């Protein structure tokens, strides 16, 4: 059987963290939310300065409003979870997260703001 030319020979595998608002998020005043959001953004910015976070941003116009944003990390899923646990909004219970690996055709994405490799190059395992 011949290989489908639309399926890449190699993939770049990235660690993705998707942030969600839990149904039981604690209520906070507008002032408390503003302070927490500033701390959340500062924490994410620091992860970017350290090189652990290479892309990050909120969602808009999503079909499920509980989804708040996504980050691409330059580390393995275990480390991305550890770093996400330290996010002030996660610690306050206003956000929860899912960590996963995202397989993208090799060379499909570039991260010009980092000077270190992001992701691992892999081949699709044979069935």
N, C-alpha and C. Protein backbone atom coordinates (compact mmCIF):
# COMPACT_ATOMS: atom_id res chain seq x y z
N UNK A 1 0.84 -1.18 0.00
CA UNK A 1 0.00 0.00 0.00
C UNK A 1 0.89 1.25 0.00
N UNK A 2 0.59 2.21 -0.84
CA UNK A 2 1.42 3.40 -0.92
C UNK A 2 1.02 4.40 0.16
N UNK A 3 2.00 5.19 0.54
CA UNK A 3 1.81 6.18 1.59
C UNK A 3 1.04 7.37 1.05
N UNK A 4 0.13 7.92 1.86
CA UNK A 4 -0.64 9.11 1.49
C UNK A 4 0.30 10.31 1.50
N UNK A 5 0.44 11.01 0.36
CA UNK A 5 1.38 12.15 0.31
C UNK A 5 0.96 13.32 1.20
N UNK A 6 -0.28 13.33 1.70
CA UNK A 6 -0.74 14.40 2.58
C UNK A 6 -0.39 14.15 4.04
N UNK A 7 0.13 12.97 4.34
CA UNK A 7 0.53 12.65 5.72
C UNK A 7 2.04 12.85 5.82
N UNK A 8 2.47 13.72 6.73
CA UNK A 8 3.92 14.00 6.84
C UNK A 8 4.73 12.77 7.25
N UNK A 9 5.98 12.75 6.83
CA UNK A 9 6.91 11.71 7.27
C UNK A 9 7.35 11.94 8.71
N UNK A 10 7.40 13.20 9.10
CA UNK A 10 7.85 13.55 10.45
C UNK A 10 6.93 14.63 11.01
N UNK A 11 6.90 14.68 12.34
CA UNK A 11 6.07 15.64 13.05
C UNK A 11 6.90 16.37 14.08
N UNK A 12 6.53 17.62 14.32
CA UNK A 12 7.06 18.34 15.46
C UNK A 12 5.99 18.24 16.55
N UNK A 13 6.40 17.78 17.72
CA UNK A 13 5.47 17.53 18.81
C UNK A 13 5.68 18.61 19.87
N UNK A 14 4.61 19.37 20.14
CA UNK A 14 4.66 20.48 21.06
C UNK A 14 3.82 20.18 22.30
N UNK A 15 4.21 20.77 23.42
CA UNK A 15 3.43 20.68 24.64
C UNK A 15 2.48 21.85 24.69
N UNK A 16 1.20 21.54 24.77
CA UNK A 16 0.14 22.54 24.77
C UNK A 16 -0.56 22.53 26.12
N UNK A 17 -0.87 23.70 26.63
CA UNK A 17 -1.71 23.84 27.83
C UNK A 17 -2.91 24.69 27.43
N UNK A 18 -4.10 24.14 27.66
CA UNK A 18 -5.34 24.86 27.41
C UNK A 18 -5.93 25.25 28.76
N UNK A 19 -6.17 26.54 28.93
CA UNK A 19 -6.74 27.05 30.17
C UNK A 19 -8.26 27.13 30.04
N UNK A 20 -8.94 26.70 31.12
CA UNK A 20 -10.40 26.71 31.15
C UNK A 20 -10.90 27.34 32.45
N UNK A 21 -12.07 27.94 32.39
CA UNK A 21 -12.74 28.45 33.58
C UNK A 21 -13.59 27.32 34.13
N UNK A 22 -13.34 26.86 35.36
CA UNK A 22 -14.17 25.78 35.91
C UNK A 22 -15.56 26.28 36.29
N UNK A 23 -16.52 25.39 36.27
CA UNK A 23 -17.90 25.75 36.63
C UNK A 23 -17.98 26.26 38.07
N UNK A 24 -17.09 25.77 38.92
CA UNK A 24 -17.13 26.16 40.34
C UNK A 24 -16.07 27.20 40.70
N UNK A 25 -15.70 28.04 39.73
CA UNK A 25 -14.70 29.09 40.00
C UNK A 25 -15.22 30.00 41.10
N UNK A 26 -14.36 30.36 42.04
CA UNK A 26 -14.81 31.23 43.14
C UNK A 26 -15.21 32.62 42.62
N UNK A 27 -16.23 33.16 43.24
CA UNK A 27 -16.65 34.53 42.92
C UNK A 27 -15.63 35.50 43.50
N UNK A 28 -15.36 36.57 42.76
CA UNK A 28 -14.44 37.60 43.21
C UNK A 28 -14.98 38.95 42.77
N UNK A 29 -14.61 39.98 43.51
CA UNK A 29 -15.02 41.33 43.13
C UNK A 29 -14.25 41.73 41.87
N UNK A 30 -14.74 42.78 41.20
CA UNK A 30 -14.04 43.27 40.01
C UNK A 30 -12.62 43.68 40.35
N UNK A 31 -12.42 44.30 41.50
CA UNK A 31 -11.08 44.72 41.90
C UNK A 31 -10.18 43.50 42.10
N UNK A 32 -10.68 42.48 42.78
CA UNK A 32 -9.90 41.26 42.99
C UNK A 32 -9.57 40.59 41.66
N UNK A 33 -10.53 40.57 40.73
CA UNK A 33 -10.29 39.97 39.42
C UNK A 33 -9.24 40.75 38.64
N UNK A 34 -9.27 42.08 38.72
CA UNK A 34 -8.28 42.90 38.04
C UNK A 34 -6.88 42.60 38.57
N UNK A 35 -6.74 42.52 39.89
CA UNK A 35 -5.44 42.22 40.50
C UNK A 35 -4.97 40.82 40.09
N UNK A 36 -5.88 39.86 40.14
CA UNK A 36 -5.53 38.49 39.78
C UNK A 36 -5.13 38.39 38.31
N UNK A 37 -5.86 39.07 37.43
CA UNK A 37 -5.53 39.05 36.01
C UNK A 37 -4.14 39.65 35.77
N UNK A 38 -3.82 40.73 36.46
CA UNK A 38 -2.50 41.34 36.32
C UNK A 38 -1.41 40.36 36.77
N UNK A 39 -1.65 39.66 37.87
CA UNK A 39 -0.67 38.68 38.36
C UNK A 39 -0.54 37.51 37.39
N UNK A 40 -1.66 37.05 36.83
CA UNK A 40 -1.67 35.96 35.84
C UNK A 40 -0.84 36.36 34.62
N UNK A 41 -1.09 37.55 34.10
CA UNK A 41 -0.36 38.01 32.91
C UNK A 41 1.12 38.19 33.21
N UNK A 42 1.45 38.71 34.38
CA UNK A 42 2.86 38.88 34.75
C UNK A 42 3.55 37.53 34.88
N UNK A 43 2.87 36.55 35.44
CA UNK A 43 3.44 35.21 35.59
C UNK A 43 3.72 34.60 34.21
N UNK A 44 2.75 34.71 33.31
CA UNK A 44 2.92 34.16 31.96
C UNK A 44 4.05 34.91 31.23
N UNK A 45 4.14 36.21 31.41
CA UNK A 45 5.21 36.99 30.77
C UNK A 45 6.57 36.53 31.29
N UNK A 46 6.66 36.26 32.58
CA UNK A 46 7.93 35.78 33.15
C UNK A 46 8.29 34.41 32.60
N UNK A 47 7.32 33.53 32.44
CA UNK A 47 7.60 32.23 31.82
C UNK A 47 8.13 32.42 30.40
N UNK A 48 7.62 33.42 29.69
CA UNK A 48 8.12 33.73 28.36
C UNK A 48 9.56 34.24 28.40
N UNK A 49 9.85 35.12 29.35
CA UNK A 49 11.23 35.63 29.49
C UNK A 49 12.20 34.50 29.81
N UNK A 50 11.76 33.53 30.59
CA UNK A 50 12.60 32.39 30.95
C UNK A 50 12.77 31.40 29.80
N UNK A 51 11.94 31.53 28.75
CA UNK A 51 12.03 30.63 27.61
C UNK A 51 11.16 29.38 27.74
N UNK A 52 10.43 29.25 28.83
CA UNK A 52 9.57 28.07 29.02
C UNK A 52 8.30 28.16 28.19
N UNK A 53 7.83 29.36 27.96
CA UNK A 53 6.58 29.60 27.23
C UNK A 53 6.92 30.33 25.94
N UNK A 54 6.54 29.77 24.78
CA UNK A 54 6.93 30.39 23.51
C UNK A 54 5.77 31.02 22.76
N UNK A 55 4.55 30.67 23.10
CA UNK A 55 3.37 31.30 22.51
C UNK A 55 2.24 31.19 23.52
N UNK A 56 1.43 32.24 23.60
CA UNK A 56 0.45 32.30 24.66
C UNK A 56 -0.61 33.33 24.29
N UNK A 57 -1.87 33.03 24.57
CA UNK A 57 -2.89 34.04 24.34
C UNK A 57 -4.29 33.54 24.61
N UNK A 58 -5.21 34.49 24.72
CA UNK A 58 -6.60 34.15 25.03
C UNK A 58 -7.36 33.71 23.80
N UNK A 59 -8.49 33.04 24.04
CA UNK A 59 -9.43 32.68 22.98
C UNK A 59 -10.50 33.77 22.90
N UNK A 60 -11.12 33.87 21.74
CA UNK A 60 -12.24 34.78 21.54
C UNK A 60 -13.19 34.11 20.56
N UNK A 61 -14.46 34.36 20.73
CA UNK A 61 -15.49 33.82 19.86
C UNK A 61 -15.46 32.30 19.78
N UNK A 62 -15.19 31.65 20.90
CA UNK A 62 -15.14 30.20 20.95
C UNK A 62 -16.53 29.63 21.19
N UNK A 63 -16.76 28.38 20.78
CA UNK A 63 -18.07 27.76 20.95
C UNK A 63 -18.35 27.40 22.41
N UNK A 64 -17.31 27.26 23.22
CA UNK A 64 -17.46 26.95 24.64
C UNK A 64 -16.76 28.05 25.43
N UNK A 65 -17.52 28.93 26.10
CA UNK A 65 -16.90 30.07 26.79
C UNK A 65 -16.03 29.68 27.98
N UNK A 66 -16.05 28.42 28.41
CA UNK A 66 -15.16 28.03 29.51
C UNK A 66 -13.70 27.99 29.05
N UNK A 67 -13.47 27.83 27.74
CA UNK A 67 -12.09 27.85 27.24
C UNK A 67 -11.59 29.28 27.24
N UNK A 68 -10.48 29.51 27.94
CA UNK A 68 -9.99 30.88 28.14
C UNK A 68 -8.74 31.20 27.32
N UNK A 69 -7.83 30.24 27.13
CA UNK A 69 -6.62 30.54 26.39
C UNK A 69 -5.76 29.31 26.19
N UNK A 70 -4.67 29.47 25.45
CA UNK A 70 -3.78 28.36 25.14
C UNK A 70 -2.33 28.84 25.19
N UNK A 71 -1.47 27.92 25.58
CA UNK A 71 -0.03 28.20 25.63
C UNK A 71 0.72 27.06 24.98
N UNK A 72 1.82 27.39 24.32
CA UNK A 72 2.76 26.40 23.81
C UNK A 72 4.02 26.53 24.64
N UNK A 73 4.40 25.43 25.27
CA UNK A 73 5.57 25.40 26.15
C UNK A 73 6.76 24.76 25.45
N UNK A 74 7.96 25.16 25.85
CA UNK A 74 9.21 24.58 25.35
C UNK A 74 9.75 23.60 26.38
N UNK A 75 8.89 22.70 26.84
CA UNK A 75 9.27 21.70 27.84
C UNK A 75 8.31 20.52 27.71
N UNK A 76 8.56 19.49 28.49
CA UNK A 76 7.69 18.31 28.42
C UNK A 76 6.39 18.57 29.18
N UNK A 77 5.38 17.71 28.98
CA UNK A 77 4.08 17.92 29.65
C UNK A 77 4.15 17.96 31.17
N UNK A 78 5.03 17.19 31.77
CA UNK A 78 5.13 17.19 33.24
C UNK A 78 5.60 18.55 33.74
N UNK A 79 6.61 19.11 33.10
CA UNK A 79 7.10 20.44 33.49
C UNK A 79 6.06 21.52 33.18
N UNK A 80 5.36 21.41 32.06
CA UNK A 80 4.32 22.39 31.73
C UNK A 80 3.21 22.37 32.78
N UNK A 81 2.87 21.19 33.28
CA UNK A 81 1.86 21.09 34.34
C UNK A 81 2.38 21.72 35.63
N UNK A 82 3.63 21.46 35.96
CA UNK A 82 4.21 22.05 37.17
C UNK A 82 4.20 23.57 37.08
N UNK A 83 4.59 24.11 35.93
CA UNK A 83 4.59 25.56 35.75
C UNK A 83 3.17 26.12 35.76
N UNK A 84 2.23 25.40 35.19
CA UNK A 84 0.83 25.85 35.18
C UNK A 84 0.25 25.85 36.58
N UNK A 85 0.68 24.92 37.41
CA UNK A 85 0.22 24.90 38.80
C UNK A 85 0.61 26.18 39.54
N UNK A 86 1.68 26.83 39.12
CA UNK A 86 2.15 28.06 39.77
C UNK A 86 1.46 29.32 39.28
N UNK A 87 0.61 29.22 38.28
CA UNK A 87 -0.10 30.39 37.77
C UNK A 87 -1.06 30.90 38.85
N UNK A 88 -1.00 32.19 39.16
CA UNK A 88 -1.87 32.73 40.21
C UNK A 88 -3.36 32.46 39.98
N UNK A 89 -3.82 32.48 38.75
CA UNK A 89 -5.24 32.21 38.46
C UNK A 89 -5.60 30.75 38.68
N UNK A 90 -4.65 29.85 38.43
CA UNK A 90 -4.86 28.43 38.72
C UNK A 90 -4.88 28.23 40.24
N UNK A 91 -3.92 28.84 40.91
CA UNK A 91 -3.84 28.71 42.37
C UNK A 91 -5.10 29.25 43.05
N UNK A 92 -5.71 30.30 42.47
CA UNK A 92 -6.92 30.90 43.04
C UNK A 92 -8.19 30.13 42.66
N UNK A 93 -8.06 29.13 41.79
CA UNK A 93 -9.23 28.35 41.39
C UNK A 93 -10.05 28.97 40.28
N UNK A 94 -9.59 30.10 39.72
CA UNK A 94 -10.32 30.75 38.62
C UNK A 94 -10.06 30.08 37.28
N UNK A 95 -8.92 29.37 37.16
CA UNK A 95 -8.61 28.63 35.95
C UNK A 95 -8.17 27.22 36.31
N UNK A 96 -8.44 26.29 35.41
CA UNK A 96 -7.88 24.94 35.45
C UNK A 96 -7.26 24.73 34.08
N UNK A 97 -6.54 23.65 33.90
CA UNK A 97 -5.87 23.46 32.63
C UNK A 97 -5.85 21.99 32.22
N UNK A 98 -5.65 21.81 30.91
CA UNK A 98 -5.41 20.50 30.31
C UNK A 98 -4.06 20.58 29.63
N UNK A 99 -3.25 19.55 29.78
CA UNK A 99 -1.94 19.48 29.13
C UNK A 99 -1.98 18.36 28.12
N UNK A 100 -1.41 18.60 26.95
CA UNK A 100 -1.39 17.57 25.92
C UNK A 100 -0.22 17.79 24.97
N UNK A 101 0.08 16.77 24.20
CA UNK A 101 1.05 16.91 23.12
C UNK A 101 0.28 17.14 21.82
N UNK A 102 0.79 18.04 21.01
CA UNK A 102 0.16 18.39 19.74
C UNK A 102 1.14 18.06 18.63
N UNK A 103 0.74 17.16 17.73
CA UNK A 103 1.57 16.70 16.62
C UNK A 103 1.23 17.52 15.38
N UNK A 104 2.22 18.22 14.85
CA UNK A 104 2.06 19.09 13.69
C UNK A 104 3.09 18.67 12.65
N UNK A 105 2.72 18.71 11.39
CA UNK A 105 3.67 18.37 10.33
C UNK A 105 4.99 19.11 10.53
N UNK A 106 6.10 18.39 10.43
CA UNK A 106 7.43 18.96 10.67
C UNK A 106 7.63 20.24 9.86
N UNK A 107 8.11 21.26 10.53
CA UNK A 107 8.40 22.54 9.89
C UNK A 107 7.19 23.43 9.67
N UNK A 108 6.02 23.06 10.19
CA UNK A 108 4.81 23.86 9.98
C UNK A 108 4.78 25.14 10.79
N UNK A 109 5.44 25.13 11.96
CA UNK A 109 5.42 26.29 12.86
C UNK A 109 6.83 26.78 13.14
N UNK A 110 6.94 28.06 13.39
CA UNK A 110 8.22 28.65 13.79
C UNK A 110 7.97 29.55 15.00
N UNK A 111 8.96 29.66 15.85
CA UNK A 111 8.87 30.49 17.04
C UNK A 111 10.05 31.45 17.05
N UNK A 112 9.95 32.55 16.31
CA UNK A 112 11.09 33.45 16.15
C UNK A 112 11.49 34.20 17.40
N UNK A 113 10.66 34.20 18.45
CA UNK A 113 11.00 34.94 19.66
C UNK A 113 11.82 34.12 20.64
N UNK A 114 12.14 32.88 20.29
CA UNK A 114 12.95 32.06 21.18
C UNK A 114 14.22 31.64 20.46
N UNK A 115 15.26 31.46 21.23
CA UNK A 115 16.54 31.04 20.65
C UNK A 115 16.86 29.59 21.00
N UNK A 116 15.86 28.83 21.43
CA UNK A 116 16.10 27.44 21.77
C UNK A 116 15.08 26.57 21.04
N UNK A 117 15.40 25.30 20.88
CA UNK A 117 14.46 24.41 20.19
C UNK A 117 13.14 24.28 20.94
N UNK A 118 12.08 24.16 20.20
CA UNK A 118 10.74 23.97 20.77
C UNK A 118 10.18 22.69 20.17
N UNK A 119 9.75 21.79 21.02
CA UNK A 119 9.18 20.54 20.54
C UNK A 119 10.21 19.50 20.19
N UNK A 120 9.71 18.32 19.88
CA UNK A 120 10.56 17.19 19.48
C UNK A 120 10.15 16.73 18.10
N UNK A 121 11.10 16.40 17.27
CA UNK A 121 10.81 15.84 15.95
C UNK A 121 10.60 14.35 16.11
N UNK A 122 9.46 13.85 15.63
CA UNK A 122 9.13 12.43 15.73
C UNK A 122 8.51 11.92 14.44
N UNK A 123 8.56 10.62 14.28
CA UNK A 123 7.86 9.96 13.19
C UNK A 123 6.62 9.30 13.76
N UNK A 124 5.61 9.18 12.93
CA UNK A 124 4.38 8.50 13.36
C UNK A 124 4.70 7.02 13.55
N UNK A 125 4.34 6.48 14.72
CA UNK A 125 4.63 5.05 14.93
C UNK A 125 3.83 4.19 13.96
N UNK A 126 4.44 3.11 13.54
CA UNK A 126 3.74 2.15 12.67
C UNK A 126 2.69 1.40 13.48
N UNK A 127 1.55 1.14 12.88
CA UNK A 127 0.50 0.39 13.57
C UNK A 127 0.85 -1.07 13.69
